[in-house]
C-alpha atoms as a PDB file:
ATOM      1  CA  MET A   1      17.193   6.147 -37.230  1.00  0.00           C
ATOM      2  CA  SER A   2      16.670   2.712 -38.719  1.00  0.00           C
ATOM      3  CA  ALA A   3      14.026   0.222 -37.656  1.00  0.00           C
ATOM      4  CA  MET A   4      16.718  -2.153 -36.385  1.00  0.00           C
ATOM      5  CA  GLY A   5      18.172   0.540 -34.134  1.00  0.00           C
ATOM      6  CA  THR A   6      14.721   1.231 -32.696  1.00  0.00           C
ATOM      7  CA  VAL A   7      14.179  -2.465 -31.984  1.00  0.00           C
ATOM      8  CA  GLN A   8      17.569  -2.719 -30.286  1.00  0.00           C
ATOM      9  CA  MET A   9      16.812   0.311 -28.090  1.00  0.00           C
ATOM     10  CA  LEU A  10      13.431  -1.118 -27.105  1.00  0.00           C
ATOM     11  CA  ALA A  11      14.991  -4.487 -26.302  1.00  0.00           C
ATOM     12  CA  ALA A  12      17.715  -2.880 -24.202  1.00  0.00           C
ATOM     13  CA  GLY A  13      15.136  -0.773 -22.359  1.00  0.00           C
ATOM     14  CA  SER A  14      12.951  -3.778 -21.558  1.00  0.00           C
ATOM     15  CA  LEU A  15      15.914  -5.771 -20.198  1.00  0.00           C
ATOM     16  CA  ALA A  16      16.973  -3.004 -17.834  1.00  0.00           C
ATOM     17  CA  TYR A  17      15.317  -3.145 -14.438  1.00  0.00           C
ATOM     18  CA  LYS A  18      15.375  -1.172 -11.251  1.00  0.00           C
ATOM     19  CA  GLN A  19      16.435  -2.560  -7.915  1.00  0.00           C
ATOM     20  CA  MET A  20      13.579  -3.399  -5.586  1.00  0.00           C
ATOM     21  CA  PRO A  21      13.136  -0.889  -2.770  1.00  0.00           C
ATOM     22  CA  ALA A  22      14.346  -1.939   0.665  1.00  0.00           C
ATOM     23  CA  ASP A  23      10.847  -1.710   2.159  1.00  0.00           C
ATOM     24  CA  VAL A  24       9.715  -4.387  -0.328  1.00  0.00           C
ATOM     25  CA  LEU A  25      12.864  -6.504  -0.298  1.00  0.00           C
ATOM     26  CA  ALA A  26      13.202  -6.860   3.499  1.00  0.00           C
ATOM     27  CA  PRO A  27       9.782  -8.493   4.091  1.00  0.00           C
ATOM     28  CA  LEU A  28      10.299 -10.692   1.034  1.00  0.00           C
ATOM     29  CA  MET A  29      13.638 -11.920   2.367  1.00  0.00           C
ATOM     30  CA  GLN A  30      12.076 -12.496   5.809  1.00  0.00           C
ATOM     31  CA  LEU A  31       9.305 -14.555   4.187  1.00  0.00           C
ATOM     32  CA  LEU A  32      11.857 -16.612   2.245  1.00  0.00           C
ATOM     33  CA  ASN A  33      13.826 -17.252   5.439  1.00  0.00           C
ATOM     34  CA  TRP A  34      10.706 -18.428   7.294  1.00  0.00           C
ATOM     35  CA  LEU A  35       9.697 -20.605   4.358  1.00  0.00           C
ATOM     36  CA  LEU A  36      13.138 -22.226   4.258  1.00  0.00           C
ATOM     37  CA  TRP A  37      13.054 -22.942   8.006  1.00  0.00           C
ATOM     38  CA  PHE A  38       9.566 -24.436   7.701  1.00  0.00           C
ATOM     39  CA  VAL A  39      10.583 -26.696   4.819  1.00  0.00           C
ATOM     40  CA  LEU A  40      13.725 -27.830   6.618  1.00  0.00           C
ATOM     41  CA  LEU A  41      11.739 -28.590   9.791  1.00  0.00           C
ATOM     42  CA  VAL A  42       9.248 -30.651   7.776  1.00  0.00           C
ATOM     43  CA  CYS A  43      12.143 -32.538   6.164  1.00  0.00           C
ATOM     44  CA  LEU A  44      13.675 -33.154   9.596  1.00  0.00           C
ATOM     45  CA  ALA A  45      10.381 -34.462  11.007  1.00  0.00           C
ATOM     46  CA  TRP A  46       9.912 -36.697   7.961  1.00  0.00           C
ATOM     47  CA  MET A  47      13.468 -37.966   8.378  1.00  0.00           C
ATOM     48  CA  ILE A  48      12.892 -38.831  12.050  1.00  0.00           C
ATOM     49  CA  VAL A  49       9.649 -40.684  11.299  1.00  0.00           C
ATOM     50  CA  SER A  50      11.179 -42.530   8.341  1.00  0.00           C
ATOM     51  CA  ALA A  51      14.281 -43.461  10.334  1.00  0.00           C
ATOM     52  CA  GLY A  52      12.061 -44.875  13.069  1.00  0.00           C
ATOM     53  CA  LYS A  53      10.130 -46.923  10.517  1.00  0.00           C
ATOM     54  CA  LEU A  54      13.382 -48.096   8.963  1.00  0.00           C
ATOM     55  CA  TRP A  55      14.718 -49.164  12.364  1.00  0.00           C
ATOM     56  CA  LEU A  56      11.563 -51.178  13.040  1.00  0.00           C
ATOM     57  CA  VAL A  57      11.802 -52.873   9.645  1.00  0.00           C
ATOM     58  CA  PHE A  58      15.482 -53.731  10.098  1.00  0.00           C
ATOM     59  CA  ARG A  59      14.596 -55.426  13.375  1.00  0.00           C
ATOM     60  CA  SER A  60      12.286 -57.747  11.442  1.00  0.00           C
ATOM     61  CA  ASP A  61      14.949 -58.443   8.753  1.00  0.00           C
ATOM     62  CA  LEU A  62      13.287 -56.716   5.793  1.00  0.00           C
ATOM     63  CA  ALA A  63      15.852 -54.484   4.168  1.00  0.00           C
ATOM     64  CA  MET A  64      14.113 -52.438   1.445  1.00  0.00           C
ATOM     65  CA  ASN A  65      10.780 -50.734   2.044  1.00  0.00           C
ATOM     66  CA  ASP A  66       9.018 -47.380   2.057  1.00  0.00           C
ATOM     67  CA  ALA A  67      10.962 -46.197   5.106  1.00  0.00           C
ATOM     68  CA  SER A  68      14.283 -46.191   3.256  1.00  0.00           C
ATOM     69  CA  HIS A  69      12.548 -44.290   0.459  1.00  0.00           C
ATOM     70  CA  GLY A  70      11.300 -41.759   3.036  1.00  0.00           C
ATOM     71  CA  VAL A  71      14.794 -41.200   4.417  1.00  0.00           C
ATOM     72  CA  LEU A  72      16.163 -40.616   0.935  1.00  0.00           C
ATOM     73  CA  MET A  73      13.319 -38.267  -0.034  1.00  0.00           C
ATOM     74  CA  SER A  74      13.673 -36.189   3.139  1.00  0.00           C
ATOM     75  CA  LEU A  75      17.373 -35.720   2.439  1.00  0.00           C
ATOM     76  CA  LEU A  76      16.615 -34.836  -1.167  1.00  0.00           C
ATOM     77  CA  GLY A  77      13.939 -32.343  -0.063  1.00  0.00           C
ATOM     78  CA  ALA A  78      16.380 -30.618   2.295  1.00  0.00           C
ATOM     79  CA  VAL A  79      18.977 -30.361  -0.474  1.00  0.00           C
ATOM     80  CA  VAL A  80      16.440 -28.910  -2.926  1.00  0.00           C
ATOM     81  CA  ALA A  81      15.184 -26.357  -0.364  1.00  0.00           C
ATOM     82  CA  SER A  82      18.714 -25.238   0.490  1.00  0.00           C
ATOM     83  CA  THR A  83      19.659 -24.955  -3.163  1.00  0.00           C
ATOM     84  CA  ALA A  84      16.507 -22.992  -3.962  1.00  0.00           C
ATOM     85  CA  SER A  85      17.283 -20.502  -1.212  1.00  0.00           C
ATOM     86  CA  GLY A  86      20.785 -20.033  -2.604  1.00  0.00           C
ATOM     87  CA  ILE A  87      19.376 -19.377  -6.062  1.00  0.00           C
ATOM     88  CA  ALA A  88      16.810 -16.931  -4.644  1.00  0.00           C
ATOM     89  CA  LEU A  89      19.549 -15.053  -2.785  1.00  0.00           C
ATOM     90  CA  ALA A  90      21.541 -14.806  -6.016  1.00  0.00           C
ATOM     91  CA  PHE A  91      18.633 -13.062  -7.765  1.00  0.00           C
ATOM     92  CA  LEU A  92      17.395 -11.012  -4.805  1.00  0.00           C
ATOM     93  CA  PRO A  93      20.223  -8.870  -3.455  1.00  0.00           C
ATOM     94  CA  ALA A  94      20.349  -8.521   0.305  1.00  0.00           C
END
């Protein structure tokens, strides 16, 4: 057997992986679900506070401020958290 064949077999063996057992995967998925709900609740609370600040600022005729930035960032945070959970579900089979 040549050295190149040995290297290819070692590379193929290191890329192969076993599926995680169900007793490990189930708590991990539960933890990811709780983490996603927590992040989305924080984004919702931040959105409510920022929208309230934005409403108060619009009443005093100042259009651009930190409140509009907070609304945008809370929406962006929710999108990132939802996308990350989709990516995690793609790599961790249910």
